[in-house]
Amino acid sequence: MKKKVLIKWIIGCVMLCMMLLVLWKRTHINYDEYSDKTSDMQHEEVEEISFPDHINEKGSDGLIVDSEVVIGENFDPDNFYVSTAKIMKPDEEKWKQFFGIDNTWDYNVYETESRIGGKIEFQTYTDKQENTLYLTSEEALWAKQDMVFIYNVLDTNEYSPQNNGKLFSEKMDLSFESRQDNLRSVLDKMQQIGIDAAELEVHQEYDLNVDKLKEQEEKKIEAGDIEQSEKKESWSTSDEAYYYYLDETTQGLPVFSKRSVNDYSGDERSQIIVCAGNDGIRYLYMKWFFLFDIGVDKVKFAPIDNIKECIKTKYGKTLDENCITVKKMVLGVYPFATDKEKNAVVPVWICFLERKTKGSEYVEKLYVPINAITGEEFYDMEG
């Protein structure tokens, strides 16, 4: 039963990636046209620009901007440079050596799709205890067998009625190690397998306390979300762990590597997910981690007013029937594929909106990507 659950979970991840790639192929825009437009802007004189921490404006047209403006602490808009990027291939030998993979493990090879739709090799290694490592040229996953119990209990999907992430978000120290020491140890291990920890920042973390794990498991069994047969035989403090979502950054901004803007509302946007306990790393997932080549030309960012105007243009015709509120604006970068290996690095505002139809209590969440250079909607991230 445990092995089936773990295999189903891994296959589910792969299938989700493939569906997102199908969407990409249907909606990508003209690369040459974009490159020409960006090239022209690279050589314009860059004027000093700044962004507010919060915007509070109410327009007579029904558009309300009550928005937090989220920008990286180390981001300097006056010294942000044009760059390109390529996906970092996981170092197969380092991963295998670090997690103790040898020729006694079952080995299989399959095919999956790359970020831009081509076929790539998908390798899996499984030992007798059902610990699993899988590798492609773009991602890697390590999962110990007992992680299945964490999958059963922890639910951080913001749309899920069973979301219990807040219960594990108290930022408390667990019995075996402090949060700070554990994170430091995790980042050291990232370096050992070839991931540049200096470019990582914590997007979200969860403290998996044993009492809460046991309590949530019981609630999920009562609700019918998991079967009695899937219940862990017993919980102890040795099961406690920290669970991290880590974002890659470049020039002070988070990297938005996923295809659809709708993925940026929650934790799953992060390229690296880690679960670490007193026995080390129990789970590690790395997907679409990039290596950046930073140039010498500075980027000229569009003023924030241009970003607001873009939203008004998109929804202006519906403001008679709807009230649109901009709740949050997050600035990051999107690696925009220009060929099989090269990506143009596009600064993008991801805008979180709420739409409420007049006379209704229902609030719809919307996500709009806007090119931070042109001030135009960035359709390649629509999904």
Protein backbone atom coordinates (compact mmCIF):
# COMPACT_ATOMS: atom_id res chain seq x y z
CA MET A 1 0.00 0.00 0.00
CA LYS A 2 2.77 2.45 0.96
CA LYS A 3 4.70 1.73 -2.23
CA LYS A 4 1.60 2.24 -4.37
CA VAL A 5 0.86 5.60 -2.73
CA LEU A 6 4.44 6.80 -3.24
CA ILE A 7 4.55 5.66 -6.88
CA LYS A 8 1.14 7.24 -7.58
CA TRP A 9 2.36 10.50 -6.05
CA ILE A 10 5.51 10.58 -8.22
CA ILE A 11 3.58 9.69 -11.39
CA GLY A 12 1.07 12.43 -10.54
CA CYS A 13 3.88 15.01 -10.39
CA VAL A 14 5.17 13.92 -13.80
CA MET A 15 1.68 14.00 -15.36
CA LEU A 16 1.06 17.51 -14.00
CA CYS A 17 4.32 18.71 -15.59
CA MET A 18 3.29 17.22 -18.93
CA MET A 19 -0.12 18.95 -18.86
CA LEU A 20 1.51 22.31 -18.15
CA LEU A 21 3.86 21.79 -21.08
CA VAL A 22 0.91 21.15 -23.43
CA LEU A 23 -0.55 24.48 -22.35
CA TRP A 24 2.79 26.16 -23.04
CA LYS A 25 2.89 24.94 -26.63
CA ARG A 26 -0.60 26.32 -27.26
CA THR A 27 0.03 29.81 -25.94
CA HIS A 28 3.70 30.80 -26.53
CA ILE A 29 4.36 34.10 -28.33
CA ASN A 30 6.79 35.05 -31.07
CA TYR A 31 10.33 34.85 -29.64
CA ASP A 32 11.98 36.93 -32.37
CA GLU A 33 9.46 39.75 -31.96
CA TYR A 34 10.04 39.80 -28.21
CA SER A 35 13.85 39.71 -28.56
CA ASP A 36 13.82 42.66 -30.99
CA LYS A 37 11.65 44.74 -28.65
CA THR A 38 13.82 43.96 -25.63
CA SER A 39 17.03 44.65 -27.54
CA ASP A 40 15.84 48.15 -28.44
CA MET A 41 15.10 48.94 -24.81
CA GLN A 42 18.43 47.68 -23.54
CA HIS A 43 20.24 50.61 -25.13
CA GLU A 44 17.90 53.41 -24.03
CA GLU A 45 19.16 55.73 -21.33
CA VAL A 46 18.12 54.30 -17.94
CA GLU A 47 16.54 56.85 -15.62
CA GLU A 48 16.38 56.41 -11.86
CA ILE A 49 13.19 54.67 -10.79
CA SER A 50 11.66 53.55 -7.51
CA PHE A 51 8.64 51.53 -6.43
CA PRO A 52 6.41 52.11 -3.38
CA ASP A 53 5.86 49.51 -0.64
CA HIS A 54 2.09 49.90 -0.86
CA ILE A 55 -0.43 51.52 -3.19
CA ASN A 56 -3.86 52.65 -1.98
CA GLU A 57 -5.98 54.25 -4.68
CA LYS A 58 -9.68 54.15 -5.47
CA GLY A 59 -10.68 55.18 -8.95
CA SER A 60 -14.13 56.38 -10.00
CA ASP A 61 -14.14 53.67 -12.68
CA GLY A 62 -14.46 50.81 -10.17
CA LEU A 63 -10.81 49.79 -10.09
CA ILE A 64 -9.41 49.71 -6.56
CA VAL A 65 -5.69 49.38 -5.89
CA ASP A 66 -5.10 48.38 -2.27
CA SER A 67 -1.93 46.52 -2.97
CA GLU A 68 1.21 45.39 -1.23
CA VAL A 69 4.18 45.86 -3.57
CA VAL A 70 6.61 42.98 -3.00
CA ILE A 71 10.20 43.52 -4.12
CA GLY A 72 13.32 41.64 -3.00
CA GLU A 73 15.38 43.31 -0.29
CA ASN A 74 18.53 43.10 -2.41
CA PHE A 75 16.91 44.35 -5.62
CA ASP A 76 18.22 47.63 -7.07
CA PRO A 77 16.13 48.84 -10.05
CA ASP A 78 18.91 51.25 -11.07
CA ASN A 79 21.47 48.46 -11.33
CA PHE A 80 19.58 45.55 -12.83
CA TYR A 81 21.21 44.09 -15.93
CA VAL A 82 20.03 42.27 -19.03
CA SER A 83 20.77 38.57 -18.68
CA THR A 84 20.20 35.15 -20.16
CA ALA A 85 19.76 31.79 -18.44
CA LYS A 86 19.90 28.07 -19.01
CA ILE A 87 18.49 25.24 -16.93
CA MET A 88 21.06 23.66 -14.65
CA LYS A 89 21.33 19.93 -15.20
CA PRO A 90 21.38 18.03 -11.87
CA ASP A 91 24.81 16.53 -11.23
CA GLU A 92 23.86 12.85 -11.46
CA GLU A 93 26.97 11.52 -9.76
CA LYS A 94 26.74 13.97 -6.85
CA TRP A 95 23.08 13.15 -6.24
CA LYS A 96 23.70 9.40 -6.40
CA GLN A 97 26.72 9.60 -4.13
CA PHE A 98 25.04 11.89 -1.59
CA PHE A 99 21.99 9.63 -1.23
CA GLY A 100 23.93 6.36 -1.36
CA ILE A 101 22.68 5.01 -4.69
CA ASP A 102 24.60 1.93 -5.86
CA ASN A 103 24.15 -1.00 -8.25
CA THR A 104 21.88 -2.85 -5.80
CA TRP A 105 19.06 -0.38 -6.49
CA ASP A 106 16.40 -1.15 -9.10
CA TYR A 107 16.97 1.05 -12.15
CA ASN A 108 14.47 2.05 -14.86
CA VAL A 109 14.44 4.56 -17.70
CA TYR A 110 11.36 6.27 -19.13
CA GLU A 111 10.64 9.32 -21.27
CA THR A 112 9.10 12.61 -20.21
CA GLU A 113 8.85 16.10 -21.69
CA SER A 114 11.20 19.01 -21.16
CA ARG A 115 10.17 22.53 -20.15
CA ILE A 116 9.76 23.47 -23.82
CA GLY A 117 8.20 20.21 -24.97
CA GLY A 118 11.01 17.98 -26.23
CA LYS A 119 11.55 14.39 -25.11
CA ILE A 120 14.07 13.79 -22.33
CA GLU A 121 15.18 10.74 -20.36
CA PHE A 122 13.60 10.06 -16.97
CA GLN A 123 15.70 7.75 -14.70
CA THR A 124 14.43 6.12 -11.50
CA TYR A 125 16.32 4.31 -8.72
CA THR A 126 14.50 2.37 -5.96
CA ASP A 127 15.94 0.31 -3.11
CA LYS A 128 14.42 -2.51 -1.04
CA GLN A 129 13.11 -0.02 1.55
CA GLU A 130 11.31 1.80 -1.30
CA ASN A 131 13.43 4.95 -1.05
CA THR A 132 13.40 6.65 -4.45
CA LEU A 133 15.59 8.90 -6.58
CA TYR A 134 14.59 10.15 -10.01
CA LEU A 135 16.59 12.28 -12.38
CA THR A 136 16.13 14.08 -15.68
CA SER A 137 18.29 16.71 -17.33
CA GLU A 138 16.04 19.39 -15.77
CA GLU A 139 14.85 18.10 -12.40
CA ALA A 140 15.62 15.69 -9.58
CA LEU A 141 13.67 14.15 -6.72
CA TRP A 142 14.75 12.21 -3.64
CA ALA A 143 12.08 10.73 -1.34
CA LYS A 144 12.47 8.39 1.62
CA GLN A 145 9.75 5.77 1.95
CA ASP A 146 8.27 7.18 5.17
CA MET A 147 7.59 10.53 3.48
CA VAL A 148 4.28 8.98 2.44
CA PHE A 149 2.96 9.76 5.93
CA ILE A 150 3.87 13.43 5.54
CA TYR A 151 2.14 13.53 2.14
CA ASN A 152 -0.96 12.13 3.84
CA VAL A 153 -0.99 14.76 6.57
CA LEU A 154 0.45 18.07 5.28
CA ASP A 155 -1.77 20.02 2.87
CA THR A 156 -0.55 23.51 1.89
CA ASN A 157 -2.73 23.99 -1.21
CA GLU A 158 -4.54 27.28 -0.62
CA TYR A 159 -7.58 26.07 -2.57
CA SER A 160 -7.94 22.85 -0.60
CA PRO A 161 -10.65 22.71 2.10
CA GLN A 162 -8.22 20.47 4.04
CA ASN A 163 -5.43 23.07 3.99
CA ASN A 164 -3.64 22.88 7.34
CA GLY A 165 -0.48 24.81 6.51
CA LYS A 166 -1.16 27.52 9.09
CA LEU A 167 -1.12 24.95 11.89
CA PHE A 168 2.50 24.15 11.02
CA SER A 169 3.58 27.76 10.42
CA GLU A 170 4.31 28.91 13.96
CA LYS A 171 8.07 29.08 13.33
CA MET A 172 8.83 27.04 16.41
CA ASP A 173 12.00 25.09 17.15
CA LEU A 174 11.54 21.33 17.07
CA SER A 175 12.95 18.84 19.56
CA PHE A 176 16.01 17.74 17.59
CA GLU A 177 17.38 21.07 16.31
CA SER A 178 16.63 24.78 16.06
CA ARG A 179 15.14 26.19 12.85
CA GLN A 180 18.20 28.31 12.15
CA ASP A 181 20.65 25.44 12.61
CA ASN A 182 18.54 23.11 10.49
CA LEU A 183 18.22 25.59 7.63
CA ARG A 184 21.96 26.24 7.74
CA SER A 185 22.59 22.49 7.54
CA VAL A 186 20.14 22.12 4.62
CA LEU A 187 21.81 24.91 2.66
CA ASP A 188 25.22 23.31 3.26
CA LYS A 189 23.89 20.06 1.82
CA MET A 190 22.53 21.94 -1.22
CA GLN A 191 26.09 23.06 -1.94
CA GLN A 192 27.34 19.48 -1.72
CA ILE A 193 25.07 18.34 -4.56
CA GLY A 194 25.79 21.34 -6.77
CA ILE A 195 23.04 23.84 -5.89
CA ASP A 196 24.23 27.40 -5.23
CA ALA A 197 22.73 28.09 -1.80
CA ALA A 198 23.79 31.75 -1.98
CA GLU A 199 21.00 32.32 -4.53
CA LEU A 200 18.27 30.69 -2.40
CA GLU A 201 15.77 32.35 -0.09
CA VAL A 202 13.00 30.83 2.02
CA HIS A 203 9.57 31.37 0.49
CA GLN A 204 7.73 29.36 3.15
CA GLU A 205 8.59 26.94 5.94
CA TYR A 206 6.61 24.52 8.07
CA ASP A 207 7.51 23.03 11.44
CA LEU A 208 6.21 19.47 11.54
CA ASN A 209 5.59 18.93 15.24
CA VAL A 210 4.79 15.35 16.22
CA ASP A 211 1.64 16.17 18.21
CA LYS A 212 0.15 18.13 15.32
CA LEU A 213 1.12 15.45 12.80
CA LYS A 214 -0.69 12.80 14.84
CA GLU A 215 -3.72 15.05 15.40
CA GLN A 216 -4.04 15.94 11.71
CA GLU A 217 -3.71 12.31 10.67
CA GLU A 218 -6.65 11.39 12.93
CA LYS A 219 -8.75 14.22 11.47
CA LYS A 220 -8.00 13.12 7.92
CA ILE A 221 -8.98 9.53 8.72
CA GLU A 222 -12.25 10.72 10.29
CA ALA A 223 -12.96 12.87 7.23
CA GLY A 224 -12.26 9.94 4.91
CA ASP A 225 -9.32 11.69 3.22
CA ILE A 226 -6.99 8.79 4.00
CA GLU A 227 -7.71 5.13 4.72
CA GLN A 228 -7.28 3.52 8.14
CA SER A 229 -4.80 1.14 6.50
CA GLU A 230 -2.60 4.12 5.56
CA LYS A 231 -2.27 5.27 9.16
CA LYS A 232 1.24 5.39 10.59
CA GLU A 233 1.71 2.69 13.25
CA SER A 234 3.07 5.19 15.74
CA TRP A 235 4.44 8.73 15.84
CA SER A 236 7.45 9.89 17.85
CA THR A 237 9.68 12.95 18.09
CA SER A 238 12.03 11.25 15.62
CA ASP A 239 9.37 11.91 12.96
CA GLU A 240 9.55 15.68 13.44
CA ALA A 241 10.96 17.67 10.54
CA TYR A 242 11.21 21.08 8.92
CA TYR A 243 9.62 21.51 5.50
CA TYR A 244 10.96 24.31 3.27
CA TYR A 245 9.94 25.92 0.01
CA LEU A 246 13.02 27.67 -1.40
CA ASP A 247 13.04 30.23 -4.21
CA GLU A 248 15.97 30.80 -6.53
CA THR A 249 16.86 34.48 -6.94
CA THR A 250 18.90 36.50 -9.41
CA GLN A 251 19.95 40.12 -8.98
CA GLY A 252 17.69 40.29 -5.92
CA LEU A 253 14.48 39.05 -7.56
CA PRO A 254 12.78 35.62 -7.27
CA VAL A 255 12.83 33.39 -10.34
CA PHE A 256 9.40 32.44 -11.67
CA SER A 257 10.24 29.27 -13.59
CA LYS A 258 6.82 27.69 -13.95
CA ARG A 259 4.66 28.00 -17.01
CA SER A 260 1.39 29.37 -15.63
CA VAL A 261 0.88 32.56 -13.63
CA ASN A 262 -1.76 30.69 -11.62
CA ASP A 263 1.03 28.69 -9.93
CA TYR A 264 2.38 31.76 -8.15
CA SER A 265 -0.35 32.09 -5.56
CA GLY A 266 1.00 29.35 -3.29
CA ASP A 267 4.03 27.36 -2.24
CA GLU A 268 4.33 25.25 -5.37
CA ARG A 269 5.95 28.13 -7.26
CA SER A 270 9.29 27.30 -5.59
CA GLN A 271 11.98 25.47 -7.53
CA ILE A 272 13.27 23.61 -4.48
CA ILE A 273 11.26 21.79 -1.80
CA VAL A 274 13.05 20.15 1.15
CA CYS A 275 11.99 18.12 4.17
CA ALA A 276 14.74 17.60 6.74
CA GLY A 277 14.69 15.78 10.08
CA ASN A 278 17.15 14.44 12.61
CA ASP A 279 18.27 11.82 10.07
CA GLY A 280 19.05 14.39 7.36
CA ILE A 281 17.18 15.10 4.14
CA ARG A 282 14.07 12.98 3.78
CA TYR A 283 12.72 14.70 0.70
CA LEU A 284 14.31 16.98 -1.89
CA TYR A 285 12.75 18.17 -5.13
CA MET A 286 14.55 20.49 -7.55
CA LYS A 287 12.89 21.60 -10.77
CA TRP A 288 13.99 24.16 -13.36
CA PHE A 289 16.87 25.69 -11.42
CA PHE A 290 18.73 28.16 -13.64
CA LEU A 291 22.28 29.33 -14.26
CA PHE A 292 22.40 33.03 -15.17
CA ASP A 293 24.74 34.95 -17.44
CA ILE A 294 24.47 38.62 -16.47
CA GLY A 295 25.37 41.17 -19.13
CA VAL A 296 26.52 44.80 -19.05
CA ASP A 297 23.41 46.63 -20.35
CA LYS A 298 20.99 47.95 -17.75
CA VAL A 299 17.28 47.24 -17.83
CA LYS A 300 14.85 50.17 -18.01
CA PHE A 301 11.78 49.35 -15.90
CA ALA A 302 8.36 50.75 -16.76
CA PRO A 303 6.90 53.10 -14.10
CA ILE A 304 4.39 51.53 -11.71
CA ASP A 305 1.64 53.72 -13.24
CA ASN A 306 2.09 51.81 -16.51
CA ILE A 307 1.44 48.54 -14.68
CA LYS A 308 -1.78 49.90 -13.16
CA GLU A 309 -2.86 51.20 -16.56
CA CYS A 310 -2.35 47.75 -18.07
CA ILE A 311 -4.74 46.24 -15.51
CA LYS A 312 -7.27 49.00 -16.17
CA THR A 313 -7.06 48.34 -19.91
CA LYS A 314 -7.58 44.61 -19.45
CA TYR A 315 -10.66 44.91 -17.23
CA GLY A 316 -11.97 48.39 -18.12
CA LYS A 317 -14.93 47.12 -20.15
CA THR A 318 -16.20 45.01 -17.24
CA LEU A 319 -15.89 47.57 -14.43
CA ASP A 320 -19.55 48.58 -14.77
CA GLU A 321 -20.59 45.10 -13.60
CA ASN A 322 -17.56 44.18 -11.47
CA CYS A 323 -15.39 45.65 -8.79
CA ILE A 324 -11.72 44.82 -9.39
CA THR A 325 -9.29 45.15 -6.49
CA VAL A 326 -5.54 44.79 -6.91
CA LYS A 327 -4.35 43.08 -3.69
CA LYS A 328 -0.67 42.34 -4.30
CA MET A 329 2.02 42.95 -6.91
CA VAL A 330 5.16 40.77 -6.88
CA LEU A 331 8.19 41.55 -9.02
CA GLY A 332 10.30 38.66 -10.26
CA VAL A 333 11.92 37.31 -13.41
CA TYR A 334 10.71 34.75 -15.92
CA PRO A 335 13.20 32.73 -18.03
CA PHE A 336 11.65 33.00 -21.48
CA ALA A 337 12.78 30.18 -23.79
CA THR A 338 14.34 31.45 -27.02
CA ASP A 339 15.69 28.06 -28.09
CA LYS A 340 16.31 24.59 -26.62
CA GLU A 341 18.88 25.82 -24.11
CA LYS A 342 18.81 29.62 -23.96
CA ASN A 343 16.32 31.80 -22.10
CA ALA A 344 15.87 35.57 -22.11
CA VAL A 345 15.38 36.76 -18.53
CA VAL A 346 12.21 38.87 -18.46
CA PRO A 347 11.32 40.97 -15.38
CA VAL A 348 7.61 40.39 -14.69
CA TRP A 349 5.04 41.81 -12.28
CA ILE A 350 2.62 39.14 -11.06
CA CYS A 351 -0.52 40.95 -9.96
CA PHE A 352 -2.99 39.30 -7.58
CA LEU A 353 -6.54 40.59 -8.13
CA GLU A 354 -9.98 40.00 -6.68
CA ARG A 355 -13.10 40.40 -8.80
CA LYS A 356 -16.51 40.78 -7.20
CA THR A 357 -19.65 41.00 -9.30
CA LYS A 358 -21.99 43.72 -8.09
CA GLY A 359 -24.85 42.24 -6.10
CA SER A 360 -22.94 39.02 -5.38
CA GLU A 361 -20.87 37.88 -2.40
CA TYR A 362 -18.64 35.63 -4.51
CA VAL A 363 -15.03 36.80 -4.87
CA GLU A 364 -12.97 35.45 -7.76
CA LYS A 365 -9.17 35.42 -7.56
CA LEU A 366 -7.30 36.49 -10.68
CA TYR A 367 -3.60 36.55 -11.54
CA VAL A 368 -2.20 38.84 -14.22
CA PRO A 369 1.44 38.79 -15.45
CA ILE A 370 2.76 42.12 -16.78
CA ASN A 371 6.10 42.65 -18.50
CA ALA A 372 8.01 45.01 -16.18
CA ILE A 373 9.94 46.51 -19.11
CA THR A 374 7.14 47.15 -21.61
CA GLY A 375 4.25 47.55 -19.15
CA GLU A 376 2.20 45.18 -21.33
CA GLU A 377 0.43 42.01 -20.36
CA PHE A 378 2.83 39.06 -20.61
CA TYR A 379 0.70 36.48 -22.41
CA ASP A 380 3.32 33.75 -22.36
CA MET A 381 2.62 33.20 -18.66
CA GLU A 382 -1.17 33.07 -19.02
CA GLY A 383 -2.62 29.70 -18.09
